[in-house]
Amino acid sequence: MDHDNMDQDNMGSDETRLNALFAAYRDACPDPEPSANFMPMLWQKIEAREQTSTVFGRLARNLVTAALALSVILGLAVSLSHSRASALPSESYVEVLAEDQNLDYFEPVHIEPAADQH
């Protein structure tokens, strides 16, 4: 019995707090006065918000389009540079010169057997 009495007290205090919250909300947000201009004013507010979002939306679409175009251009540039590079030797100019210079140091050597040198 004591438990049921406590639940009713808690519900009463919760209900009181909820009523106070609703009263504070009504004070903070008064009901708009109904008039002939209510709907036109409401639509003006809605359209003003839409215009702001369309400016940002248009800017975002333009930036995405520019990024896509730049990506395609860079992709084509990379693929074209790889196709041109395959026609050229895989070694750099310095590597080719170094290899050619190394061959200058190796001359044919004729070695005679030790028995023939008497």
N, C-alpha and C. Protein backbone atom coordinates (compact mmCIF):
# COMPACT_ATOMS: atom_id res chain seq x y z
N MET A 1 0.81 -1.19 0.00
CA MET A 1 0.00 0.00 0.00
C MET A 1 0.85 1.26 0.00
N ASP A 2 1.87 1.19 0.78
CA ASP A 2 2.78 2.33 0.86
C ASP A 2 3.41 2.61 -0.51
N HIS A 3 3.70 1.53 -1.23
CA HIS A 3 4.32 1.63 -2.55
C HIS A 3 3.38 2.32 -3.54
N ASP A 4 2.10 1.98 -3.52
CA ASP A 4 1.12 2.60 -4.42
C ASP A 4 0.96 4.09 -4.12
N ASN A 5 1.02 4.44 -2.86
CA ASN A 5 0.89 5.84 -2.45
C ASN A 5 2.08 6.66 -2.97
N MET A 6 3.30 6.07 -2.96
CA MET A 6 4.50 6.76 -3.45
C MET A 6 4.43 6.95 -4.96
N ASP A 7 3.90 5.95 -5.69
CA ASP A 7 3.78 6.07 -7.14
C ASP A 7 2.83 7.21 -7.51
N GLN A 8 1.74 7.36 -6.75
CA GLN A 8 0.79 8.43 -7.02
C GLN A 8 1.42 9.80 -6.72
N ASP A 9 2.25 9.87 -5.69
CA ASP A 9 2.94 11.13 -5.39
C ASP A 9 3.93 11.48 -6.50
N ASN A 10 4.67 10.47 -6.99
CA ASN A 10 5.63 10.70 -8.08
C ASN A 10 4.90 11.12 -9.35
N MET A 11 3.77 10.46 -9.64
CA MET A 11 3.01 10.82 -10.84
C MET A 11 2.46 12.23 -10.70
N GLY A 12 2.04 12.59 -9.50
CA GLY A 12 1.53 13.93 -9.27
C GLY A 12 2.61 14.97 -9.48
N SER A 13 3.81 14.71 -8.98
CA SER A 13 4.91 15.68 -9.15
C SER A 13 5.36 15.71 -10.61
N ASP A 14 5.37 14.57 -11.28
CA ASP A 14 5.72 14.55 -12.70
C ASP A 14 4.70 15.32 -13.52
N GLU A 15 3.43 15.14 -13.17
CA GLU A 15 2.38 15.84 -13.89
C GLU A 15 2.46 17.34 -13.65
N THR A 16 2.80 17.73 -12.45
CA THR A 16 2.96 19.15 -12.13
C THR A 16 4.13 19.74 -12.91
N ARG A 17 5.22 19.01 -12.95
CA ARG A 17 6.41 19.49 -13.70
C ARG A 17 6.09 19.58 -15.19
N LEU A 18 5.34 18.60 -15.72
CA LEU A 18 4.98 18.62 -17.13
C LEU A 18 4.05 19.80 -17.44
N ASN A 19 3.10 20.06 -16.57
CA ASN A 19 2.22 21.21 -16.76
C ASN A 19 3.01 22.51 -16.72
N ALA A 20 3.98 22.60 -15.83
CA ALA A 20 4.82 23.80 -15.76
C ALA A 20 5.65 23.95 -17.03
N LEU A 21 6.12 22.83 -17.57
CA LEU A 21 6.89 22.87 -18.82
C LEU A 21 6.01 23.35 -19.97
N PHE A 22 4.80 22.84 -20.07
CA PHE A 22 3.89 23.29 -21.12
C PHE A 22 3.55 24.76 -20.98
N ALA A 23 3.37 25.23 -19.76
CA ALA A 23 3.06 26.65 -19.53
C ALA A 23 4.24 27.52 -19.96
N ALA A 24 5.45 27.09 -19.65
CA ALA A 24 6.64 27.85 -20.06
C ALA A 24 6.76 27.86 -21.58
N TYR A 25 6.43 26.76 -22.21
CA TYR A 25 6.49 26.69 -23.68
C TYR A 25 5.46 27.63 -24.30
N ARG A 26 4.25 27.66 -23.76
CA ARG A 26 3.21 28.56 -24.28
C ARG A 26 3.63 30.02 -24.13
N ASP A 27 4.29 30.33 -23.02
CA ASP A 27 4.75 31.71 -22.82
C ASP A 27 5.88 32.06 -23.79
N ALA A 28 6.76 31.11 -24.06
CA ALA A 28 7.91 31.37 -24.94
C ALA A 28 7.49 31.42 -26.40
N CYS A 29 6.52 30.61 -26.78
CA CYS A 29 6.08 30.53 -28.17
C CYS A 29 4.58 30.82 -28.25
N PRO A 30 4.22 32.08 -28.31
CA PRO A 30 2.78 32.39 -28.35
C PRO A 30 2.17 31.93 -29.68
N ASP A 31 0.89 31.65 -29.65
CA ASP A 31 0.18 31.24 -30.86
C ASP A 31 0.10 32.42 -31.82
N PRO A 32 0.31 32.17 -33.12
CA PRO A 32 0.18 33.28 -34.07
C PRO A 32 -1.28 33.71 -34.17
N GLU A 33 -1.44 34.99 -34.37
CA GLU A 33 -2.80 35.53 -34.48
C GLU A 33 -3.35 35.15 -35.85
N PRO A 34 -4.52 34.53 -35.87
CA PRO A 34 -5.11 34.19 -37.17
C PRO A 34 -5.58 35.46 -37.87
N SER A 35 -5.16 35.59 -39.12
CA SER A 35 -5.58 36.75 -39.91
C SER A 35 -5.60 36.34 -41.37
N ALA A 36 -5.98 37.26 -42.21
CA ALA A 36 -6.05 36.97 -43.65
C ALA A 36 -4.65 36.82 -44.24
N ASN A 37 -3.64 37.43 -43.60
CA ASN A 37 -2.27 37.37 -44.12
C ASN A 37 -1.46 36.22 -43.53
N PHE A 38 -2.08 35.37 -42.74
CA PHE A 38 -1.33 34.30 -42.08
C PHE A 38 -0.65 33.38 -43.09
N MET A 39 -1.40 32.83 -44.03
CA MET A 39 -0.81 31.89 -45.00
C MET A 39 0.18 32.57 -45.94
N PRO A 40 -0.13 33.75 -46.50
CA PRO A 40 0.89 34.40 -47.35
C PRO A 40 2.19 34.69 -46.60
N MET A 41 2.08 35.12 -45.35
CA MET A 41 3.29 35.39 -44.56
C MET A 41 4.07 34.11 -44.29
N LEU A 42 3.33 33.04 -44.01
CA LEU A 42 3.98 31.74 -43.78
C LEU A 42 4.72 31.29 -45.03
N TRP A 43 4.09 31.43 -46.21
CA TRP A 43 4.75 31.03 -47.45
C TRP A 43 5.96 31.91 -47.75
N GLN A 44 5.89 33.19 -47.42
CA GLN A 44 7.05 34.06 -47.63
C GLN A 44 8.23 33.60 -46.79
N LYS A 45 7.97 33.19 -45.55
CA LYS A 45 9.05 32.68 -44.69
C LYS A 45 9.63 31.39 -45.25
N ILE A 46 8.76 30.51 -45.72
CA ILE A 46 9.22 29.23 -46.28
C ILE A 46 10.06 29.47 -47.53
N GLU A 47 9.59 30.34 -48.43
CA GLU A 47 10.32 30.61 -49.66
C GLU A 47 11.65 31.31 -49.39
N ALA A 48 11.71 32.15 -48.38
CA ALA A 48 12.98 32.81 -48.03
C ALA A 48 14.00 31.78 -47.58
N ARG A 49 13.57 30.79 -46.81
CA ARG A 49 14.49 29.73 -46.39
C ARG A 49 14.92 28.88 -47.57
N GLU A 50 13.99 28.62 -48.51
CA GLU A 50 14.33 27.81 -49.68
C GLU A 50 15.33 28.53 -50.56
N GLN A 51 15.20 29.85 -50.71
CA GLN A 51 16.13 30.61 -51.54
C GLN A 51 17.54 30.53 -50.98
N THR A 52 17.67 30.60 -49.67
CA THR A 52 18.99 30.49 -49.05
C THR A 52 19.57 29.11 -49.30
N SER A 53 18.75 28.09 -49.17
CA SER A 53 19.26 26.74 -49.38
C SER A 53 19.54 26.48 -50.85
N THR A 54 18.80 27.12 -51.78
CA THR A 54 19.09 26.91 -53.19
C THR A 54 20.41 27.56 -53.59
N VAL A 55 20.77 28.66 -52.97
CA VAL A 55 22.07 29.29 -53.26
C VAL A 55 23.19 28.33 -52.87
N PHE A 56 23.09 27.77 -51.67
CA PHE A 56 24.12 26.83 -51.23
C PHE A 56 24.07 25.54 -52.04
N GLY A 57 22.88 25.11 -52.40
CA GLY A 57 22.74 23.91 -53.22
C GLY A 57 23.35 24.10 -54.59
N ARG A 58 23.11 25.25 -55.19
CA ARG A 58 23.68 25.55 -56.51
C ARG A 58 25.21 25.61 -56.42
N LEU A 59 25.72 26.24 -55.37
CA LEU A 59 27.16 26.31 -55.18
C LEU A 59 27.76 24.92 -55.00
N ALA A 60 27.09 24.08 -54.23
CA ALA A 60 27.59 22.72 -54.01
C ALA A 60 27.57 21.93 -55.31
N ARG A 61 26.51 22.05 -56.10
CA ARG A 61 26.46 21.33 -57.38
C ARG A 61 27.56 21.80 -58.32
N ASN A 62 27.82 23.11 -58.35
CA ASN A 62 28.89 23.63 -59.21
C ASN A 62 30.26 23.13 -58.76
N LEU A 63 30.49 23.09 -57.46
CA LEU A 63 31.77 22.58 -56.97
C LEU A 63 31.95 21.10 -57.27
N VAL A 64 30.89 20.33 -57.15
CA VAL A 64 30.97 18.90 -57.47
C VAL A 64 31.24 18.71 -58.95
N THR A 65 30.59 19.50 -59.80
CA THR A 65 30.82 19.41 -61.24
C THR A 65 32.26 19.77 -61.58
N ALA A 66 32.78 20.82 -60.97
CA ALA A 66 34.17 21.23 -61.22
C ALA A 66 35.14 20.15 -60.74
N ALA A 67 34.88 19.55 -59.60
CA ALA A 67 35.75 18.49 -59.09
C ALA A 67 35.72 17.28 -60.01
N LEU A 68 34.55 16.93 -60.53
CA LEU A 68 34.44 15.81 -61.45
C LEU A 68 35.20 16.09 -62.74
N ALA A 69 35.05 17.30 -63.28
CA ALA A 69 35.77 17.67 -64.50
C ALA A 69 37.28 17.63 -64.29
N LEU A 70 37.73 18.15 -63.16
CA LEU A 70 39.16 18.13 -62.85
C LEU A 70 39.67 16.70 -62.71
N SER A 71 38.88 15.83 -62.10
CA SER A 71 39.28 14.43 -61.95
C SER A 71 39.40 13.75 -63.31
N VAL A 72 38.47 14.02 -64.21
CA VAL A 72 38.53 13.42 -65.55
C VAL A 72 39.75 13.93 -66.30
N ILE A 73 40.01 15.22 -66.21
CA ILE A 73 41.18 15.80 -66.90
C ILE A 73 42.47 15.21 -66.36
N LEU A 74 42.60 15.11 -65.04
CA LEU A 74 43.81 14.53 -64.45
C LEU A 74 43.94 13.05 -64.81
N GLY A 75 42.84 12.32 -64.85
CA GLY A 75 42.88 10.91 -65.24
C GLY A 75 43.36 10.75 -66.67
N LEU A 76 42.86 11.60 -67.57
CA LEU A 76 43.32 11.55 -68.96
C LEU A 76 44.80 11.92 -69.07
N ALA A 77 45.23 12.90 -68.32
CA ALA A 77 46.64 13.31 -68.36
C ALA A 77 47.54 12.18 -67.89
N VAL A 78 47.15 11.48 -66.84
CA VAL A 78 47.96 10.37 -66.33
C VAL A 78 47.99 9.24 -67.34
N SER A 79 46.85 8.91 -67.94
CA SER A 79 46.83 7.80 -68.89
C SER A 79 47.62 8.14 -70.15
N LEU A 80 47.56 9.40 -70.59
CA LEU A 80 48.35 9.80 -71.76
C LEU A 80 49.84 9.79 -71.45
N SER A 81 50.22 10.20 -70.26
CA SER A 81 51.65 10.20 -69.92
C SER A 81 52.18 8.77 -69.83
N HIS A 82 51.36 7.82 -69.37
CA HIS A 82 51.80 6.42 -69.33
C HIS A 82 51.93 5.84 -70.73
N SER A 83 51.05 6.22 -71.65
CA SER A 83 51.15 5.68 -73.01
C SER A 83 52.37 6.25 -73.73
N ARG A 84 52.72 7.49 -73.47
CA ARG A 84 53.92 8.07 -74.08
C ARG A 84 55.19 7.50 -73.44
N ALA A 85 55.14 7.22 -72.18
CA ALA A 85 56.32 6.70 -71.48
C ALA A 85 56.67 5.30 -71.95
N SER A 86 55.69 4.51 -72.39
CA SER A 86 55.99 3.15 -72.83
C SER A 86 56.76 3.16 -74.14
N ALA A 87 56.66 4.21 -74.96
CA ALA A 87 57.42 4.30 -76.21
C ALA A 87 58.88 4.63 -75.94
N LEU A 88 59.17 5.23 -74.82
CA LEU A 88 60.54 5.59 -74.47
C LEU A 88 61.21 4.45 -73.72
N PRO A 89 62.54 4.43 -73.69
CA PRO A 89 63.22 3.37 -72.93
C PRO A 89 62.89 3.48 -71.44
N SER A 90 62.93 2.36 -70.78
CA SER A 90 62.59 2.36 -69.36
C SER A 90 63.72 2.91 -68.50
N GLU A 91 64.93 2.98 -69.06
CA GLU A 91 66.06 3.51 -68.30
C GLU A 91 66.17 5.01 -68.51
N SER A 92 66.71 5.69 -67.54
CA SER A 92 66.91 7.12 -67.68
C SER A 92 68.19 7.38 -68.48
N TYR A 93 68.38 8.61 -68.89
CA TYR A 93 69.55 9.00 -69.67
C TYR A 93 70.84 8.73 -68.89
N VAL A 94 70.82 9.03 -67.61
CA VAL A 94 72.01 8.82 -66.77
C VAL A 94 72.34 7.33 -66.67
N GLU A 95 71.32 6.49 -66.53
CA GLU A 95 71.56 5.04 -66.44
C GLU A 95 72.15 4.50 -67.73
N VAL A 96 71.68 4.97 -68.87
CA VAL A 96 72.21 4.52 -70.16
C VAL A 96 73.66 4.94 -70.31
N LEU A 97 73.99 6.19 -69.93
CA LEU A 97 75.38 6.65 -70.01
C LEU A 97 76.29 5.87 -69.07
N ALA A 98 75.83 5.59 -67.88
CA ALA A 98 76.63 4.84 -66.92
C ALA A 98 76.90 3.43 -67.42
N GLU A 99 75.92 2.80 -68.01
CA GLU A 99 76.11 1.45 -68.54
C GLU A 99 77.08 1.46 -69.72
N ASP A 100 76.99 2.47 -70.57
CA ASP A 100 77.89 2.57 -71.71
C ASP A 100 79.32 2.82 -71.25
N GLN A 101 79.49 3.61 -70.22
CA GLN A 101 80.82 3.91 -69.71
C GLN A 101 81.44 2.69 -69.02
N ASN A 102 80.64 1.87 -68.39
CA ASN A 102 81.16 0.66 -67.75
C ASN A 102 81.76 -0.29 -68.77
N LEU A 103 81.21 -0.32 -69.97
CA LEU A 103 81.74 -1.22 -71.00
C LEU A 103 83.12 -0.78 -71.47
N ASP A 104 83.47 0.50 -71.33
CA ASP A 104 84.79 0.99 -71.73
C ASP A 104 85.90 0.40 -70.86
N TYR A 105 85.61 0.05 -69.64
CA TYR A 105 86.64 -0.45 -68.73
C TYR A 105 86.91 -1.94 -68.91
N PHE A 106 86.07 -2.62 -69.62
CA PHE A 106 86.26 -4.06 -69.82
C PHE A 106 86.75 -4.31 -71.24
N GLU A 107 88.04 -4.50 -71.37
CA GLU A 107 88.62 -4.80 -72.68
C GLU A 107 88.87 -6.29 -72.75
N PRO A 108 88.83 -6.83 -73.93
CA PRO A 108 89.11 -8.27 -74.04
C PRO A 108 90.55 -8.56 -73.58
N VAL A 109 90.68 -9.55 -72.79
CA VAL A 109 91.99 -9.93 -72.25
C VAL A 109 92.33 -11.31 -72.78
N HIS A 110 93.57 -11.43 -73.31
CA HIS A 110 94.02 -12.73 -73.80
C HIS A 110 94.95 -13.32 -72.74
N ILE A 111 94.55 -14.42 -72.19
CA ILE A 111 95.34 -15.07 -71.15
C ILE A 111 95.93 -16.34 -71.73
N GLU A 112 97.24 -16.44 -71.61
CA GLU A 112 97.91 -17.65 -72.09
C GLU A 112 98.17 -18.58 -70.92
N PRO A 113 98.13 -19.83 -71.15
CA PRO A 113 98.42 -20.79 -70.07
C PRO A 113 99.86 -20.63 -69.58
N ALA A 114 100.12 -20.96 -68.35
CA ALA A 114 101.43 -20.79 -67.72
C ALA A 114 102.48 -21.67 -68.37
N ALA A 115 102.16 -22.78 -68.91
CA ALA A 115 103.12 -23.70 -69.53
C ALA A 115 103.68 -23.11 -70.81
N ASP A 116 102.96 -22.26 -71.50
CA ASP A 116 103.42 -21.70 -72.77
C ASP A 116 104.34 -20.50 -72.56
N GLN A 117 104.50 -19.98 -71.39
CA GLN A 117 105.26 -18.76 -71.16
C GLN A 117 106.75 -19.00 -71.00
N HIS A 118 107.33 -20.12 -71.04
CA HIS A 118 108.76 -20.36 -70.80
C HIS A 118 109.59 -19.44 -71.52
